Protein backbone atom coordinates (compact mmCIF):
# COMPACT_ATOMS: atom_id res chain seq x y z
CA UNK A 1 127.16 -10.97 86.83
CA UNK A 2 124.57 -10.53 84.13
CA UNK A 3 120.94 -10.02 85.18
CA UNK A 4 119.86 -12.92 82.93
CA UNK A 5 122.19 -15.28 84.81
CA UNK A 6 120.86 -14.16 88.18
CA UNK A 7 117.24 -14.54 87.12
CA UNK A 8 117.78 -17.92 85.43
CA UNK A 9 115.71 -20.38 87.46
CA UNK A 10 118.34 -23.10 86.95
CA UNK A 11 120.86 -21.14 89.02
CA UNK A 12 119.95 -21.59 92.68
CA UNK A 13 123.26 -20.70 94.35
CA UNK A 14 125.82 -18.04 93.58
CA UNK A 15 129.11 -18.32 95.48
CA UNK A 16 131.56 -15.48 95.95
CA UNK A 17 134.95 -15.61 97.60
CA UNK A 18 136.53 -18.56 99.34
CA UNK A 19 136.01 -20.03 102.80
CA UNK A 20 136.27 -18.80 105.45
CA UNK A 21 135.22 -15.46 103.94
CA UNK A 22 133.03 -16.78 101.13
CA UNK A 23 129.34 -16.07 100.79
CA UNK A 24 126.54 -17.97 99.07
CA UNK A 25 123.47 -16.23 97.72
CA UNK A 26 120.50 -18.57 97.40
CA UNK A 27 117.69 -17.83 94.99
CA UNK A 28 115.74 -20.88 96.17
CA UNK A 29 115.92 -22.92 99.34
CA UNK A 30 114.64 -26.49 99.56
CA UNK A 31 111.79 -26.92 102.01
CA UNK A 32 110.90 -23.22 102.13
CA UNK A 33 108.52 -20.94 100.29
CA UNK A 34 109.42 -17.27 99.95
CA UNK A 35 105.97 -15.99 100.92
CA UNK A 36 106.18 -17.91 104.21
CA UNK A 37 109.79 -17.08 105.03
CA UNK A 38 109.53 -13.35 104.32
CA UNK A 39 106.93 -13.03 107.10
CA UNK A 40 109.46 -14.12 109.73
CA UNK A 41 112.81 -12.71 108.60
CA UNK A 42 115.10 -10.59 110.78
CA UNK A 43 117.01 -7.53 109.65
CA UNK A 44 120.51 -7.72 111.14
CA UNK A 45 123.31 -5.16 111.03
CA UNK A 46 126.61 -6.78 110.03
CA UNK A 47 129.37 -4.18 110.24
CA UNK A 48 127.08 -1.47 108.87
CA UNK A 49 125.46 -3.67 106.21
CA UNK A 50 121.78 -4.53 106.70
CA UNK A 51 121.22 -8.24 106.00
CA UNK A 52 117.91 -10.15 105.87
CA UNK A 53 118.09 -13.50 107.66
CA UNK A 54 115.53 -16.27 107.68
CA UNK A 55 114.14 -17.32 111.04
CA UNK A 56 115.82 -20.01 113.11
CA UNK A 57 112.82 -22.32 112.56
CA UNK A 58 113.05 -21.88 108.79
CA UNK A 59 116.83 -22.45 108.89
CA UNK A 60 116.23 -25.78 110.65
CA UNK A 61 113.53 -26.72 108.13
CA UNK A 62 115.81 -25.85 105.18
CA UNK A 63 118.76 -27.80 106.61
CA UNK A 64 116.56 -30.89 107.07
CA UNK A 65 115.11 -30.55 103.56
CA UNK A 66 118.57 -30.24 102.00
CA UNK A 67 119.49 -33.58 103.56
CA UNK A 68 123.20 -33.19 102.80
CA UNK A 69 125.64 -34.54 105.40
CA UNK A 70 127.05 -31.07 106.07
CA UNK A 71 123.56 -29.61 106.59
CA UNK A 72 122.52 -32.43 108.90
CA UNK A 73 125.80 -31.98 110.78
CA UNK A 74 125.02 -28.27 111.11
CA UNK A 75 121.81 -29.19 112.91
CA UNK A 76 123.87 -30.79 115.68
CA UNK A 77 125.84 -27.56 116.13
CA UNK A 78 123.21 -24.83 115.85
């Protein structure tokens, strides 16, 4: 991927792979502000790879803000 494409503010989601082993990289998340979320992230080890995760509270807030059926359905199963 070119750096210009990654930094383009119109691109909010980059998807790699296919479910069930696909991954989405979000450059913006509805309902959240980076400066607030970064204060509460967790660093998690996933098979030797360090991954930053938003807090549970921010995940809930983002799912509600997205408002898509699949996000609202996720709320029932988290």
